[in-house]
């Protein structure tokens, strides 16, 4: 199923972040591109999109930093894995 493949792709992408392989702003933009493939986002994916759009590794005013993004990814990864 296409949705499962998209979720798998998203999970793999988020796991790259949590392993520290890529914590760049480009990583966040790439994750947003994955989400753009969905016709409609549920509450979890919508919150993820918010985090991604406000992500900066060093943080800053109104931005989520690397640690905050990491905590969020660890929180939603189990939820997403249940959907595969």
N, C-alpha and C. Protein backbone atom coordinates (compact mmCIF):
# COMPACT_ATOMS: atom_id res chain seq x y z
N UNK A 1 0.84 -1.18 0.00
CA UNK A 1 0.00 0.00 0.00
C UNK A 1 0.90 1.26 0.00
N UNK A 2 0.49 2.25 -0.74
CA UNK A 2 1.28 3.47 -0.92
C UNK A 2 1.46 4.21 0.41
N UNK A 3 0.42 4.28 1.22
CA UNK A 3 0.50 5.00 2.49
C UNK A 3 1.55 4.35 3.39
N UNK A 4 1.57 3.02 3.43
CA UNK A 4 2.56 2.32 4.24
C UNK A 4 3.98 2.65 3.79
N UNK A 5 4.20 2.70 2.49
CA UNK A 5 5.53 3.04 1.97
C UNK A 5 5.92 4.46 2.36
N UNK A 6 4.97 5.36 2.33
CA UNK A 6 5.25 6.74 2.73
C UNK A 6 5.59 6.81 4.21
N UNK A 7 4.85 6.08 5.02
CA UNK A 7 5.14 6.06 6.45
C UNK A 7 6.51 5.44 6.70
N UNK A 8 6.82 4.36 6.01
CA UNK A 8 8.14 3.73 6.15
C UNK A 8 9.24 4.71 5.77
N UNK A 9 9.05 5.43 4.68
CA UNK A 9 10.04 6.41 4.25
C UNK A 9 10.21 7.50 5.30
N UNK A 10 9.09 7.96 5.86
CA UNK A 10 9.14 9.00 6.89
C UNK A 10 9.83 8.48 8.15
N UNK A 11 9.51 7.27 8.57
CA UNK A 11 10.14 6.67 9.74
C UNK A 11 11.65 6.57 9.54
N UNK A 12 12.07 6.09 8.38
CA UNK A 12 13.50 5.97 8.10
C UNK A 12 14.18 7.34 8.14
N UNK A 13 13.50 8.33 7.62
CA UNK A 13 14.05 9.69 7.60
C UNK A 13 14.19 10.24 9.02
N UNK A 14 13.17 10.05 9.85
CA UNK A 14 13.23 10.53 11.22
C UNK A 14 14.29 9.78 12.02
N UNK A 15 14.45 8.50 11.74
CA UNK A 15 15.47 7.72 12.44
C UNK A 15 16.88 8.19 12.09
N UNK A 16 17.09 8.66 10.87
CA UNK A 16 18.40 9.23 10.52
C UNK A 16 18.72 10.43 11.42
N UNK A 17 17.70 11.20 11.72
CA UNK A 17 17.88 12.34 12.62
C UNK A 17 18.21 11.87 14.03
N UNK A 18 17.42 10.93 14.55
CA UNK A 18 17.62 10.49 15.93
C UNK A 18 18.96 9.79 16.13
N UNK A 19 19.52 9.21 15.06
CA UNK A 19 20.85 8.60 15.14
C UNK A 19 21.96 9.64 14.97
N UNK A 20 21.59 10.87 14.65
CA UNK A 20 22.57 11.93 14.48
C UNK A 20 23.24 11.94 13.12
N UNK A 21 22.70 11.17 12.17
CA UNK A 21 23.30 11.09 10.84
C UNK A 21 23.08 12.36 10.04
N UNK A 22 21.95 13.02 10.26
CA UNK A 22 21.65 14.26 9.55
C UNK A 22 20.72 15.09 10.42
N UNK A 23 21.19 16.21 10.88
CA UNK A 23 20.39 17.11 11.72
C UNK A 23 20.29 18.50 11.10
N UNK A 24 20.46 18.55 9.79
CA UNK A 24 20.51 19.83 9.07
C UNK A 24 19.11 20.38 8.79
N UNK A 25 19.09 21.64 8.42
CA UNK A 25 17.83 22.26 7.97
C UNK A 25 17.36 21.57 6.69
N UNK A 26 18.29 21.17 5.84
CA UNK A 26 17.90 20.45 4.62
C UNK A 26 17.19 19.15 4.96
N UNK A 27 17.60 18.47 6.03
CA UNK A 27 16.91 17.26 6.48
C UNK A 27 15.44 17.58 6.75
N UNK A 28 15.18 18.69 7.44
CA UNK A 28 13.81 19.09 7.76
C UNK A 28 13.03 19.39 6.48
N UNK A 29 13.66 20.06 5.53
CA UNK A 29 12.99 20.36 4.26
C UNK A 29 12.67 19.08 3.51
N UNK A 30 13.58 18.11 3.55
CA UNK A 30 13.34 16.83 2.90
C UNK A 30 12.18 16.09 3.56
N UNK A 31 12.09 16.17 4.88
CA UNK A 31 10.97 15.55 5.60
C UNK A 31 9.66 16.23 5.24
N UNK A 32 9.69 17.54 5.09
CA UNK A 32 8.48 18.26 4.67
C UNK A 32 8.05 17.80 3.27
N UNK A 33 9.01 17.54 2.41
CA UNK A 33 8.69 17.05 1.06
C UNK A 33 8.01 15.68 1.12
N UNK A 34 8.44 14.85 2.05
CA UNK A 34 7.79 13.55 2.23
C UNK A 34 6.34 13.77 2.66
N UNK A 35 6.13 14.68 3.59
CA UNK A 35 4.76 14.96 4.06
C UNK A 35 3.90 15.56 2.97
N UNK A 36 4.50 16.29 2.05
CA UNK A 36 3.75 16.90 0.95
C UNK A 36 3.09 15.85 0.05
N UNK A 37 3.53 14.61 0.14
CA UNK A 37 2.96 13.54 -0.68
C UNK A 37 1.58 13.10 -0.16
N UNK A 38 1.27 13.45 1.09
CA UNK A 38 -0.03 13.08 1.65
C UNK A 38 -1.09 14.06 1.19
N UNK A 39 -2.29 13.56 0.92
CA UNK A 39 -3.41 14.43 0.57
C UNK A 39 -3.90 15.19 1.80
N UNK A 40 -3.87 14.50 2.94
CA UNK A 40 -4.39 15.07 4.17
C UNK A 40 -3.52 14.61 5.33
N UNK A 41 -3.25 15.50 6.26
CA UNK A 41 -2.42 15.16 7.41
C UNK A 41 -3.30 15.04 8.65
N UNK A 42 -3.05 13.99 9.43
CA UNK A 42 -3.76 13.86 10.70
C UNK A 42 -3.05 14.73 11.75
N UNK A 43 -3.50 14.65 12.99
CA UNK A 43 -2.97 15.51 14.04
C UNK A 43 -1.47 15.29 14.27
N UNK A 44 -1.04 14.04 14.26
CA UNK A 44 0.38 13.72 14.51
C UNK A 44 1.25 14.28 13.38
N UNK A 45 0.85 14.03 12.15
CA UNK A 45 1.65 14.50 11.01
C UNK A 45 1.59 16.02 10.88
N UNK A 46 0.47 16.60 11.24
CA UNK A 46 0.36 18.06 11.21
C UNK A 46 1.30 18.69 12.24
N UNK A 47 1.39 18.08 13.43
CA UNK A 47 2.31 18.57 14.44
C UNK A 47 3.76 18.41 13.98
N UNK A 48 4.05 17.28 13.34
CA UNK A 48 5.40 17.08 12.79
C UNK A 48 5.72 18.16 11.77
N UNK A 49 4.78 18.46 10.91
CA UNK A 49 5.01 19.50 9.91
C UNK A 49 5.31 20.85 10.58
N UNK A 50 4.61 21.14 11.66
CA UNK A 50 4.89 22.38 12.40
C UNK A 50 6.31 22.39 12.94
N UNK A 51 6.71 21.29 13.55
CA UNK A 51 8.08 21.20 14.09
C UNK A 51 9.11 21.37 12.98
N UNK A 52 8.88 20.70 11.86
CA UNK A 52 9.84 20.77 10.76
C UNK A 52 9.97 22.18 10.22
N UNK A 53 8.85 22.87 10.08
CA UNK A 53 8.88 24.22 9.50
C UNK A 53 9.55 25.23 10.44
N UNK A 54 9.63 24.89 11.73
CA UNK A 54 10.22 25.80 12.71
C UNK A 54 11.51 25.22 13.29
N UNK A 55 12.19 24.38 12.54
CA UNK A 55 13.40 23.73 13.02
C UNK A 55 14.66 24.47 12.57
N UNK A 56 15.57 24.63 13.51
CA UNK A 56 16.91 25.12 13.24
C UNK A 56 17.83 24.43 14.23
N UNK A 57 18.88 23.77 13.78
CA UNK A 57 19.72 22.99 14.70
C UNK A 57 20.14 23.72 15.97
N UNK A 58 20.40 25.00 15.85
CA UNK A 58 20.81 25.79 17.01
C UNK A 58 19.63 26.45 17.71
N UNK A 59 18.44 26.30 17.15
CA UNK A 59 17.27 26.94 17.73
C UNK A 59 17.26 28.43 17.44
N UNK A 60 16.70 29.19 18.33
CA UNK A 60 16.59 30.63 18.14
C UNK A 60 15.18 31.05 18.48
N UNK A 61 14.91 32.35 18.34
CA UNK A 61 13.55 32.82 18.63
C UNK A 61 12.52 32.09 17.75
N UNK A 62 11.58 31.46 18.40
CA UNK A 62 10.47 30.78 17.73
C UNK A 62 10.89 29.54 16.94
N UNK A 63 12.11 29.04 17.16
CA UNK A 63 12.58 27.85 16.44
C UNK A 63 12.80 26.70 17.42
N UNK A 64 12.56 25.48 16.94
CA UNK A 64 12.89 24.28 17.71
C UNK A 64 14.34 23.93 17.44
N UNK A 65 15.09 23.64 18.49
CA UNK A 65 16.49 23.27 18.30
C UNK A 65 16.63 21.75 18.12
N UNK A 66 17.85 21.31 17.95
CA UNK A 66 18.13 19.90 17.69
C UNK A 66 17.59 18.99 18.79
N UNK A 67 17.80 19.37 20.04
CA UNK A 67 17.34 18.54 21.15
C UNK A 67 15.81 18.44 21.21
N UNK A 68 15.14 19.55 20.96
CA UNK A 68 13.68 19.55 20.97
C UNK A 68 13.14 18.70 19.82
N UNK A 69 13.77 18.79 18.65
CA UNK A 69 13.33 17.98 17.52
C UNK A 69 13.59 16.50 17.80
N UNK A 70 14.73 16.20 18.41
CA UNK A 70 15.05 14.82 18.75
C UNK A 70 14.01 14.24 19.71
N UNK A 71 13.65 14.98 20.72
CA UNK A 71 12.63 14.52 21.68
C UNK A 71 11.30 14.29 20.98
N UNK A 72 10.94 15.20 20.08
CA UNK A 72 9.68 15.04 19.35
C UNK A 72 9.72 13.80 18.47
N UNK A 73 10.82 13.60 17.76
CA UNK A 73 10.94 12.42 16.89
C UNK A 73 10.82 11.14 17.71
N UNK A 74 11.48 11.09 18.86
CA UNK A 74 11.39 9.90 19.71
C UNK A 74 9.96 9.68 20.20
N UNK A 75 9.21 10.74 20.36
CA UNK A 75 7.82 10.62 20.81
C UNK A 75 6.91 10.09 19.72
N UNK A 76 7.12 10.53 18.48
CA UNK A 76 6.18 10.13 17.43
C UNK A 76 6.60 8.87 16.67
N UNK A 77 7.87 8.50 16.72
CA UNK A 77 8.29 7.31 15.97
C UNK A 77 7.49 6.06 16.36
N UNK A 78 7.27 5.77 17.64
CA UNK A 78 6.45 4.59 17.96
C UNK A 78 5.03 4.67 17.40
N UNK A 79 4.47 5.86 17.38
CA UNK A 79 3.12 6.05 16.84
C UNK A 79 3.12 5.74 15.35
N UNK A 80 4.11 6.24 14.63
CA UNK A 80 4.19 6.02 13.18
C UNK A 80 4.47 4.55 12.87
N UNK A 81 5.33 3.92 13.65
CA UNK A 81 5.67 2.51 13.39
C UNK A 81 4.45 1.61 13.54
N UNK A 82 3.51 1.96 14.40
CA UNK A 82 2.28 1.17 14.56
C UNK A 82 1.41 1.24 13.31
N UNK A 83 1.62 2.23 12.48
CA UNK A 83 0.78 2.43 11.29
C UNK A 83 1.32 1.65 10.07
N UNK A 84 2.50 1.11 10.18
CA UNK A 84 3.10 0.41 9.04
C UNK A 84 2.46 -0.95 8.89
